[in-house]
Amino acid sequence: MHNMSTSQDQYISSLKKIKQVEEEAEKEINSYKSKIEDQIIQIESELEKVIAAAKAEGEKLVDSNVGEATKKANAETQKTIEEAKTKSKDIASQITAQNAQDIINILLKGVE
């Protein structure tokens, strides 16, 4: 009977050790799981910051490009206006010179 009791004690002891190992493994798994969850939260936070920074940089770049395009368009418009003014003055002076020549010709015909 004593042999059976020892065998049962060993069996119970083995079960307790198995249970203890299972509990320790579960604690390790939960600890690791918690660390991984914290890392995921941190990565998500960093990702949100990077996305926000990239969006802000993109918007700034668009605003800058729009501003530069507006300046360039204004410069081109001003250049076109100046060219038109110059051409209109040239045309006006040509017309005036032609009119003066016509008037002189008319006057000279009257003298003949």
C-alpha atoms as a PDB file:
ATOM      1  CA  MET A   1       0.000   0.000   0.000  1.00  0.00           C
ATOM      2  CA  HIS A   2       2.882   2.300   0.742  1.00  0.00           C
ATOM      3  CA  ASN A   3       4.146   1.867  -2.821  1.00  0.00           C
ATOM      4  CA  MET A   4       0.775   2.944  -4.201  1.00  0.00           C
ATOM      5  CA  SER A   5       0.738   6.036  -2.000  1.00  0.00           C
ATOM      6  CA  THR A   6       4.199   7.019  -3.204  1.00  0.00           C
ATOM      7  CA  SER A   7       3.127   6.523  -6.789  1.00  0.00           C
ATOM      8  CA  GLN A   8       0.066   8.710  -6.240  1.00  0.00           C
ATOM      9  CA  ASP A   9       2.187  11.368  -4.542  1.00  0.00           C
ATOM     10  CA  GLN A  10       4.594  11.354  -7.483  1.00  0.00           C
ATOM     11  CA  TYR A  11       1.675  11.580  -9.896  1.00  0.00           C
ATOM     12  CA  ILE A  12       0.151  14.485  -7.949  1.00  0.00           C
ATOM     13  CA  SER A  13       3.567  16.141  -7.759  1.00  0.00           C
ATOM     14  CA  SER A  14       3.999  15.723 -11.515  1.00  0.00           C
ATOM     15  CA  LEU A  15       0.559  17.222 -12.137  1.00  0.00           C
ATOM     16  CA  LYS A  16       1.413  20.183  -9.886  1.00  0.00           C
ATOM     17  CA  LYS A  17       4.694  20.743 -11.780  1.00  0.00           C
ATOM     18  CA  ILE A  18       2.883  20.544 -15.113  1.00  0.00           C
ATOM     19  CA  LYS A  19       0.288  23.028 -13.858  1.00  0.00           C
ATOM     20  CA  GLN A  20       3.047  25.333 -12.590  1.00  0.00           C
ATOM     21  CA  VAL A  21       4.876  25.181 -15.951  1.00  0.00           C
ATOM     22  CA  GLU A  22       1.594  25.881 -17.769  1.00  0.00           C
ATOM     23  CA  GLU A  23       0.896  28.897 -15.539  1.00  0.00           C
ATOM     24  CA  GLU A  24       4.423  30.255 -16.042  1.00  0.00           C
ATOM     25  CA  ALA A  25       4.125  29.765 -19.803  1.00  0.00           C
ATOM     26  CA  GLU A  26       0.758  31.533 -19.780  1.00  0.00           C
ATOM     27  CA  LYS A  27       2.272  34.454 -17.817  1.00  0.00           C
ATOM     28  CA  GLU A  28       5.133  34.692 -20.325  1.00  0.00           C
ATOM     29  CA  ILE A  29       2.718  34.559 -23.239  1.00  0.00           C
ATOM     30  CA  ASN A  30       0.514  37.260 -21.698  1.00  0.00           C
ATOM     31  CA  SER A  31       3.555  39.424 -20.950  1.00  0.00           C
ATOM     32  CA  TYR A  32       4.822  39.023 -24.512  1.00  0.00           C
ATOM     33  CA  LYS A  33       1.326  39.694 -25.870  1.00  0.00           C
ATOM     34  CA  SER A  34       1.117  42.876 -23.793  1.00  0.00           C
ATOM     35  CA  LYS A  35       4.523  44.056 -25.066  1.00  0.00           C
ATOM     36  CA  ILE A  36       3.503  43.374 -28.662  1.00  0.00           C
ATOM     37  CA  GLU A  37       0.204  45.248 -28.180  1.00  0.00           C
ATOM     38  CA  ASP A  38       2.132  48.214 -26.726  1.00  0.00           C
ATOM     39  CA  GLN A  39       4.507  48.149 -29.696  1.00  0.00           C
ATOM     40  CA  ILE A  40       1.577  48.062 -32.111  1.00  0.00           C
ATOM     41  CA  ILE A  41       0.014  51.073 -30.382  1.00  0.00           C
ATOM     42  CA  GLN A  42       3.354  52.920 -30.531  1.00  0.00           C
ATOM     43  CA  ILE A  43       3.840  52.060 -34.217  1.00  0.00           C
ATOM     44  CA  GLU A  44       0.285  53.195 -35.025  1.00  0.00           C
ATOM     45  CA  SER A  45       0.934  56.474 -33.206  1.00  0.00           C
ATOM     46  CA  GLU A  46       4.205  57.016 -35.068  1.00  0.00           C
ATOM     47  CA  LEU A  47       2.509  56.122 -38.335  1.00  0.00           C
ATOM     48  CA  GLU A  48      -0.241  58.680 -37.693  1.00  0.00           C
ATOM     49  CA  LYS A  49       2.426  61.327 -37.011  1.00  0.00           C
ATOM     50  CA  VAL A  50       4.326  60.435 -40.187  1.00  0.00           C
ATOM     51  CA  ILE A  51       1.124  60.527 -42.236  1.00  0.00           C
ATOM     52  CA  ALA A  52       0.136  63.897 -40.743  1.00  0.00           C
ATOM     53  CA  ALA A  53       3.616  65.306 -41.423  1.00  0.00           C
ATOM     54  CA  ALA A  54       3.584  63.992 -44.996  1.00  0.00           C
ATOM     55  CA  LYS A  55       0.121  65.457 -45.547  1.00  0.00           C
ATOM     56  CA  ALA A  56       1.211  68.843 -44.171  1.00  0.00           C
ATOM     57  CA  GLU A  57       4.358  68.774 -46.323  1.00  0.00           C
ATOM     58  CA  GLY A  58       2.285  67.859 -49.377  1.00  0.00           C
ATOM     59  CA  GLU A  59      -0.171  70.679 -48.714  1.00  0.00           C
ATOM     60  CA  LYS A  60       2.712  73.112 -48.227  1.00  0.00           C
ATOM     61  CA  LEU A  61       4.256  71.946 -51.499  1.00  0.00           C
ATOM     62  CA  VAL A  62       0.941  72.370 -53.329  1.00  0.00           C
ATOM     63  CA  ASP A  63       0.504  75.858 -51.841  1.00  0.00           C
ATOM     64  CA  SER A  64       4.069  76.731 -52.833  1.00  0.00           C
ATOM     65  CA  ASN A  65       3.544  75.448 -56.375  1.00  0.00           C
ATOM     66  CA  VAL A  66       0.263  77.340 -56.672  1.00  0.00           C
ATOM     67  CA  GLY A  67       1.991  80.496 -55.424  1.00  0.00           C
ATOM     68  CA  GLU A  68       4.852  80.065 -57.884  1.00  0.00           C
ATOM     69  CA  ALA A  69       2.451  79.346 -60.740  1.00  0.00           C
ATOM     70  CA  THR A  70       0.463  82.469 -59.844  1.00  0.00           C
ATOM     71  CA  LYS A  71       3.638  84.602 -59.805  1.00  0.00           C
ATOM     72  CA  LYS A  72       4.733  83.146 -63.140  1.00  0.00           C
ATOM     73  CA  ALA A  73       1.297  83.702 -64.671  1.00  0.00           C
ATOM     74  CA  ASN A  74       1.260  87.292 -63.389  1.00  0.00           C
ATOM     75  CA  ALA A  75       4.735  87.909 -64.829  1.00  0.00           C
ATOM     76  CA  GLU A  76       3.696  86.438 -68.187  1.00  0.00           C
ATOM     77  CA  THR A  77       0.525  88.524 -68.170  1.00  0.00           C
ATOM     78  CA  GLN A  78       2.492  91.683 -67.367  1.00  0.00           C
ATOM     79  CA  LYS A  79       4.985  90.869 -70.141  1.00  0.00           C
ATOM     80  CA  THR A  80       2.148  90.335 -72.629  1.00  0.00           C
ATOM     81  CA  ILE A  81       0.541  93.634 -71.588  1.00  0.00           C
ATOM     82  CA  GLU A  82       3.860  95.489 -72.009  1.00  0.00           C
ATOM     83  CA  GLU A  83       4.398  93.896 -75.439  1.00  0.00           C
ATOM     84  CA  ALA A  84       0.862  94.875 -76.450  1.00  0.00           C
ATOM     85  CA  LYS A  85       1.472  98.466 -75.295  1.00  0.00           C
ATOM     86  CA  THR A  86       4.711  98.645 -77.286  1.00  0.00           C
ATOM     87  CA  LYS A  87       3.071  97.214 -80.403  1.00  0.00           C
ATOM     88  CA  SER A  88       0.109  99.556 -80.093  1.00  0.00           C
ATOM     89  CA  LYS A  89       2.477 102.555 -79.790  1.00  0.00           C
ATOM     90  CA  ASP A  90       4.398 101.346 -82.862  1.00  0.00           C
ATOM     91  CA  ILE A  91       1.174 100.895 -84.802  1.00  0.00           C
ATOM     92  CA  ALA A  92      -0.114 104.294 -83.664  1.00  0.00           C
ATOM     93  CA  SER A  93       3.126 106.012 -84.675  1.00  0.00           C
ATOM     94  CA  GLN A  94       3.081 104.212 -88.039  1.00  0.00           C
ATOM     95  CA  ILE A  95      -0.483 105.338 -88.619  1.00  0.00           C
ATOM     96  CA  THR A  96       0.404 108.900 -87.610  1.00  0.00           C
ATOM     97  CA  ALA A  97       3.448 108.900 -89.906  1.00  0.00           C
ATOM     98  CA  GLN A  98       1.348 107.507 -92.769  1.00  0.00           C
ATOM     99  CA  ASN A  99      -1.369 110.080 -92.108  1.00  0.00           C
ATOM    100  CA  ALA A 100       1.230 112.857 -92.132  1.00  0.00           C
ATOM    101  CA  GLN A 101       2.613 111.575 -95.446  1.00  0.00           C
ATOM    102  CA  ASP A 102      -0.909 111.412 -96.895  1.00  0.00           C
ATOM    103  CA  ILE A 103      -1.606 114.960 -95.724  1.00  0.00           C
ATOM    104  CA  ILE A 104       1.664 116.185 -97.275  1.00  0.00           C
ATOM    105  CA  ASN A 105       0.813 114.401-100.527  1.00  0.00           C
ATOM    106  CA  ILE A 106      -2.657 115.932-100.563  1.00  0.00           C
ATOM    107  CA  LEU A 107      -1.209 119.379 -99.896  1.00  0.00           C
ATOM    108  CA  LEU A 108       1.434 118.936-102.567  1.00  0.00           C
ATOM    109  CA  LYS A 109      -1.221 117.870-105.090  1.00  0.00           C
ATOM    110  CA  GLY A 110      -3.117 121.007-104.294  1.00  0.00           C
ATOM    111  CA  VAL A 111      -0.013 123.071-105.036  1.00  0.00           C
ATOM    112  CA  GLU A 112       0.602 121.419-108.384  1.00  0.00           C
END
